[in-house]
Amino acid sequence: MSAVPFALTLGLLLAYLALTWHHIGHFSGCAVLLPRSRRVEHSALGLVLLAHAFLVLTPMLAGGYPDLGVGRALSAVVWLMLLIYWTCGFFYRVEGLQLFMLPLAVLALAVELLWPGHHPGYALRNPLFSVHLLVSMLAYSLFAIAALLAVLMLLLERALHARRATALTRQLPPLLSLETMMFQVIGVGFALLTVSLVTGVLFSEQMFGTALTVNHKTVFAFAAWCVFGGLLVGRARYGWRGKVAVRWALSGFGLLLLGFIGTKIVLEWVLGR
């Protein structure tokens, strides 16, 4: 990694760390330097995301061949997650998610600094690959947000059963609102994952002459598609909700995580490919 990207990555890591410290301090009731102001927090995150966009998009657009190594892939997915969260902040109350997303950003940038990896993708001038890459990243980001919403549902449900409110649960949206948001996010993510699988099949046929390349990524992605599809059908026909829905959502995301990040870690870090 050259000097400018390294300095920018380090600066972003420190910025996300400062935002994490700020939010955790306020949620835990500890004294912090700056008072709570949602407008200022939203603006500050927007500026950090703008700098993060430069880090994610510049190498991709400059060379025309995206680097999909572990570090860069994690950084891009977390950036999309935070961008979706930041945009939704204009319309919905999404309080609490930042406590999970901001530390994830710190972790992703730390991985990019320490183990950037190198995995050049296909040319972005290929329309099928460009659509497949964009839709896939958006789907992974949305399912990651859905998994975080599922975790928040578990925390809130346990607090309600124990009749013990915490600083976090007092500021979370109602349980039904979290559940509704989770299913909305899963619905959009499922549609994008479907498009991702279809474009992947078309791209495979275009490049390799076969409609389906069977590998770990494909198997895990299709398995996740079946799990999320089953969850949406169960919700529509049988009214699945609560812990049942959370288990299905986390299981589907776990499969995607194994297929997308797990495969990259094994290939780049273990096998050195």
Protein backbone atom coordinates (compact mmCIF):
# COMPACT_ATOMS: atom_id res chain seq x y z
CA MET A 1 0.00 0.00 0.00
CA SER A 2 1.43 3.37 -1.07
CA ALA A 3 1.86 6.33 1.29
CA VAL A 4 -1.32 8.28 0.39
CA PRO A 5 -3.80 5.36 0.67
CA PHE A 6 -2.05 4.23 3.87
CA ALA A 7 -2.36 7.70 5.43
CA LEU A 8 -6.01 7.98 4.34
CA THR A 9 -6.85 4.52 5.68
CA LEU A 10 -5.16 5.30 8.99
CA GLY A 11 -6.96 8.65 9.22
CA LEU A 12 -10.33 7.02 8.52
CA LEU A 13 -9.63 4.33 11.12
CA LEU A 14 -8.95 7.02 13.73
CA ALA A 15 -12.07 8.97 12.68
CA TYR A 16 -14.30 5.90 13.00
CA LEU A 17 -12.62 5.11 16.33
CA ALA A 18 -13.43 8.61 17.60
CA LEU A 19 -17.07 8.28 16.49
CA THR A 20 -17.26 4.86 18.15
CA TRP A 21 -15.87 6.27 21.41
CA HIS A 22 -18.35 9.17 21.23
CA HIS A 23 -21.42 6.98 20.74
CA ILE A 24 -20.44 4.26 23.20
CA GLY A 25 -19.66 6.93 25.79
CA HIS A 26 -23.10 8.49 25.46
CA PHE A 27 -24.95 5.18 25.41
CA SER A 28 -23.09 3.88 28.46
CA GLY A 29 -23.56 7.12 30.38
CA CYS A 30 -19.84 7.94 30.61
CA ALA A 31 -18.58 11.48 30.36
CA VAL A 32 -17.39 12.49 26.88
CA LEU A 33 -16.00 15.70 25.47
CA LEU A 34 -18.79 16.53 23.02
CA PRO A 35 -22.52 16.77 23.82
CA ARG A 36 -25.03 14.64 21.92
CA SER A 37 -26.30 16.29 18.72
CA ARG A 38 -27.82 14.07 16.05
CA ARG A 39 -27.41 16.75 13.37
CA VAL A 40 -23.70 17.18 14.11
CA GLU A 41 -23.18 13.39 14.36
CA HIS A 42 -24.97 12.85 11.04
CA SER A 43 -22.90 15.55 9.33
CA ALA A 44 -19.63 14.25 10.79
CA LEU A 45 -20.39 10.71 9.62
CA GLY A 46 -21.26 12.06 6.16
CA LEU A 47 -17.85 13.72 5.86
CA VAL A 48 -16.07 10.56 6.98
CA LEU A 49 -18.08 8.51 4.47
CA LEU A 50 -17.12 10.93 1.71
CA ALA A 51 -13.43 10.36 2.46
CA HIS A 52 -14.06 6.61 2.71
CA ALA A 53 -15.74 6.71 -0.73
CA PHE A 54 -12.54 8.18 -2.18
CA LEU A 55 -10.57 5.31 -0.63
CA VAL A 56 -12.97 2.64 -1.94
CA LEU A 57 -13.78 3.99 -5.41
CA THR A 58 -10.59 5.67 -6.64
CA PRO A 59 -8.44 2.51 -7.07
CA MET A 60 -11.41 0.72 -8.60
CA LEU A 61 -12.26 3.38 -11.17
CA ALA A 62 -8.69 4.43 -11.94
CA GLY A 63 -7.47 1.02 -13.06
CA GLY A 64 -10.77 -0.38 -14.28
CA TYR A 65 -10.04 -3.65 -12.43
CA PRO A 66 -11.41 -3.73 -8.85
CA ASP A 67 -9.16 -5.15 -6.15
CA LEU A 68 -11.33 -7.65 -4.27
CA GLY A 69 -8.81 -8.72 -1.63
CA VAL A 70 -10.06 -9.41 1.90
CA GLY A 71 -9.20 -5.99 3.31
CA ARG A 72 -10.56 -3.97 0.42
CA ALA A 73 -13.70 -6.10 0.12
CA LEU A 74 -14.46 -5.69 3.84
CA SER A 75 -13.81 -1.95 3.63
CA ALA A 76 -16.19 -1.59 0.65
CA VAL A 77 -18.99 -3.60 2.29
CA VAL A 78 -18.77 -1.69 5.57
CA TRP A 79 -18.72 1.61 3.66
CA LEU A 80 -21.92 0.60 1.85
CA MET A 81 -23.51 -0.46 5.15
CA LEU A 82 -22.74 2.90 6.74
CA LEU A 83 -23.85 4.77 3.60
CA ILE A 84 -27.22 2.97 3.70
CA TYR A 85 -27.49 3.67 7.46
CA TRP A 86 -26.57 7.35 6.93
CA THR A 87 -29.15 7.73 4.13
CA CYS A 88 -31.89 6.01 6.14
CA GLY A 89 -31.14 8.44 8.98
CA PHE A 90 -32.95 11.15 6.98
CA PHE A 91 -36.21 9.15 7.00
CA TYR A 92 -36.17 6.59 9.83
CA ARG A 93 -35.12 6.29 13.42
CA VAL A 94 -32.20 3.85 13.26
CA GLU A 95 -30.66 4.56 16.65
CA GLY A 96 -28.41 1.82 18.03
CA LEU A 97 -27.08 0.41 14.77
CA GLN A 98 -24.08 2.74 14.85
CA LEU A 99 -22.81 0.98 17.99
CA PHE A 100 -22.18 -2.09 15.85
CA MET A 101 -21.38 -0.53 12.47
CA LEU A 102 -18.71 1.92 13.59
CA PRO A 103 -16.58 -0.76 15.34
CA LEU A 104 -17.01 -2.90 12.21
CA ALA A 105 -15.57 -0.03 10.18
CA VAL A 106 -12.59 0.19 12.55
CA LEU A 107 -12.04 -3.57 12.22
CA ALA A 108 -12.37 -3.53 8.41
CA LEU A 109 -9.86 -0.69 8.01
CA ALA A 110 -7.46 -2.37 10.44
CA VAL A 111 -7.61 -5.53 8.31
CA GLU A 112 -7.02 -3.43 5.19
CA LEU A 113 -3.94 -1.88 6.79
CA LEU A 114 -2.47 -5.11 8.12
CA TRP A 115 -3.59 -7.66 5.50
CA PRO A 116 -4.76 -5.79 2.41
CA GLY A 117 -4.51 -8.85 0.16
CA HIS A 118 -4.67 -8.63 -3.60
CA HIS A 119 -7.35 -10.22 -5.73
CA PRO A 120 -7.91 -8.40 -9.05
CA GLY A 121 -11.39 -8.79 -10.47
CA TYR A 122 -12.57 -8.64 -14.05
CA ALA A 123 -12.72 -5.43 -16.06
CA LEU A 124 -15.47 -3.03 -15.03
CA ARG A 125 -16.09 -2.25 -18.70
CA ASN A 126 -17.85 -5.62 -18.85
CA PRO A 127 -21.49 -4.64 -18.12
CA LEU A 128 -22.49 -8.02 -16.69
CA PHE A 129 -19.58 -8.07 -14.25
CA SER A 130 -20.18 -4.45 -13.19
CA VAL A 131 -23.86 -5.12 -12.47
CA HIS A 132 -23.04 -8.40 -10.72
CA LEU A 133 -20.39 -6.77 -8.52
CA LEU A 134 -22.53 -3.75 -7.55
CA VAL A 135 -25.67 -5.78 -6.85
CA SER A 136 -23.72 -8.40 -4.87
CA MET A 137 -22.05 -5.79 -2.65
CA LEU A 138 -25.37 -4.06 -2.01
CA ALA A 139 -27.03 -7.38 -1.15
CA TYR A 140 -24.24 -8.35 1.28
CA SER A 141 -24.44 -4.91 2.91
CA LEU A 142 -28.21 -5.10 3.35
CA PHE A 143 -28.08 -8.60 4.80
CA ALA A 144 -25.36 -7.46 7.22
CA ILE A 145 -27.68 -4.64 8.36
CA ALA A 146 -30.52 -7.16 8.71
CA ALA A 147 -28.26 -9.33 10.90
CA LEU A 148 -27.47 -6.32 13.12
CA LEU A 149 -31.19 -5.55 13.41
CA ALA A 150 -31.75 -9.18 14.43
CA VAL A 151 -29.11 -8.83 17.15
CA LEU A 152 -30.78 -5.64 18.40
CA MET A 153 -34.11 -7.50 18.48
CA LEU A 154 -32.55 -10.20 20.66
CA LEU A 155 -31.08 -7.61 23.05
CA LEU A 156 -34.36 -5.72 23.32
CA GLU A 157 -36.44 -8.89 23.77
CA ARG A 158 -34.17 -10.13 26.58
CA ALA A 159 -34.33 -6.74 28.29
CA LEU A 160 -38.14 -6.76 28.09
CA HIS A 161 -38.40 -10.30 29.48
CA ALA A 162 -35.98 -9.48 32.29
CA ARG A 163 -37.77 -6.16 32.89
CA ARG A 164 -34.38 -4.50 33.02
CA ALA A 165 -33.90 -1.55 30.69
CA THR A 166 -30.39 -0.52 29.74
CA ALA A 167 -29.11 2.74 28.24
CA LEU A 168 -29.11 1.05 24.81
CA THR A 169 -32.57 -0.54 24.99
CA ARG A 170 -34.13 2.69 26.24
CA GLN A 171 -33.08 4.44 23.02
CA LEU A 172 -33.89 1.65 20.58
CA PRO A 173 -37.04 1.74 18.43
CA PRO A 174 -39.90 -0.53 19.58
CA LEU A 175 -39.44 -4.26 18.99
CA LEU A 176 -42.13 -4.38 16.30
CA SER A 177 -40.47 -1.49 14.44
CA LEU A 178 -37.11 -3.31 14.50
CA GLU A 179 -38.80 -6.47 13.21
CA THR A 180 -40.55 -4.56 10.42
CA MET A 181 -37.29 -2.88 9.38
CA MET A 182 -35.49 -6.25 9.41
CA PHE A 183 -38.02 -7.83 7.05
CA GLN A 184 -38.01 -4.79 4.76
CA VAL A 185 -34.22 -4.94 4.51
CA ILE A 186 -34.30 -8.72 3.94
CA GLY A 187 -36.92 -8.30 1.20
CA VAL A 188 -34.78 -5.81 -0.72
CA GLY A 189 -31.63 -7.85 -0.06
CA PHE A 190 -33.31 -11.03 -1.32
CA ALA A 191 -34.32 -9.31 -4.57
CA LEU A 192 -30.75 -8.06 -5.05
CA LEU A 193 -29.29 -11.47 -4.22
CA THR A 194 -31.57 -13.00 -6.85
CA VAL A 195 -30.29 -10.52 -9.44
CA SER A 196 -26.73 -11.27 -8.27
CA LEU A 197 -27.18 -15.01 -8.84
CA VAL A 198 -28.78 -14.48 -12.26
CA THR A 199 -26.08 -12.07 -13.46
CA GLY A 200 -23.44 -14.43 -12.05
CA VAL A 201 -24.84 -17.27 -14.16
CA LEU A 202 -24.94 -15.07 -17.28
CA PHE A 203 -21.42 -13.77 -16.67
CA SER A 204 -20.11 -17.30 -16.12
CA GLU A 205 -21.66 -18.43 -19.41
CA GLN A 206 -20.20 -15.41 -21.19
CA MET A 207 -16.68 -15.85 -19.83
CA PHE A 208 -16.29 -19.61 -19.40
CA GLY A 209 -18.95 -21.09 -21.66
CA THR A 210 -20.78 -22.75 -18.75
CA ALA A 211 -23.88 -21.38 -17.03
CA LEU A 212 -22.82 -22.35 -13.54
CA THR A 213 -19.41 -22.62 -11.94
CA VAL A 214 -19.75 -24.76 -8.82
CA ASN A 215 -17.47 -23.46 -6.07
CA HIS A 216 -17.73 -22.60 -2.39
CA LYS A 217 -18.96 -19.07 -3.06
CA THR A 218 -21.74 -20.25 -5.37
CA VAL A 219 -22.88 -23.02 -3.03
CA PHE A 220 -23.01 -20.74 0.03
CA ALA A 221 -24.74 -17.95 -1.92
CA PHE A 222 -27.43 -20.30 -3.23
CA ALA A 223 -27.90 -21.83 0.24
CA ALA A 224 -28.31 -18.33 1.71
CA TRP A 225 -30.82 -17.47 -1.04
CA CYS A 226 -32.87 -20.56 -0.05
CA VAL A 227 -32.75 -19.62 3.65
CA PHE A 228 -33.83 -16.00 3.10
CA GLY A 229 -36.47 -17.09 0.59
CA GLY A 230 -37.78 -19.64 3.11
CA LEU A 231 -37.89 -16.93 5.79
CA LEU A 232 -39.92 -14.58 3.57
CA VAL A 233 -42.34 -17.38 2.64
CA GLY A 234 -42.66 -18.37 6.31
CA ARG A 235 -43.37 -14.76 7.23
CA ALA A 236 -46.04 -14.38 4.52
CA ARG A 237 -47.79 -17.75 4.99
CA TYR A 238 -47.25 -18.65 8.64
CA GLY A 239 -46.56 -15.31 10.28
CA TRP A 240 -43.04 -16.16 11.45
CA ARG A 241 -41.61 -13.55 13.78
CA GLY A 242 -39.55 -13.13 16.92
CA LYS A 243 -36.81 -15.64 17.66
CA VAL A 244 -37.76 -17.89 14.74
CA ALA A 245 -37.25 -15.04 12.27
CA VAL A 246 -34.02 -13.97 14.00
CA ARG A 247 -32.57 -17.49 13.79
CA TRP A 248 -33.34 -17.74 10.08
CA ALA A 249 -31.94 -14.27 9.39
CA LEU A 250 -28.69 -14.94 11.26
CA SER A 251 -28.33 -18.37 9.63
CA GLY A 252 -28.70 -16.89 6.14
CA PHE A 253 -26.21 -14.15 6.90
CA GLY A 254 -23.78 -16.70 8.33
CA LEU A 255 -23.88 -18.62 5.05
CA LEU A 256 -23.22 -15.45 3.07
CA LEU A 257 -20.36 -14.56 5.39
CA LEU A 258 -18.77 -17.97 4.90
CA GLY A 259 -19.17 -17.77 1.13
CA PHE A 260 -17.98 -14.19 0.66
CA ILE A 261 -15.41 -13.47 3.36
CA GLY A 262 -14.65 -17.00 4.58
CA THR A 263 -13.65 -18.21 1.14
CA LYS A 264 -11.41 -15.18 0.60
CA ILE A 265 -9.69 -15.69 3.95
CA VAL A 266 -8.97 -19.35 3.21
CA LEU A 267 -7.69 -18.63 -0.32
CA GLU A 268 -5.58 -15.56 0.53
CA TRP A 269 -4.40 -16.18 4.09
CA VAL A 270 -4.32 -19.96 4.40
CA LEU A 271 -3.57 -21.15 0.85
CA GLY A 272 -1.78 -17.96 -0.27
CA ARG A 273 -3.59 -17.78 -3.61
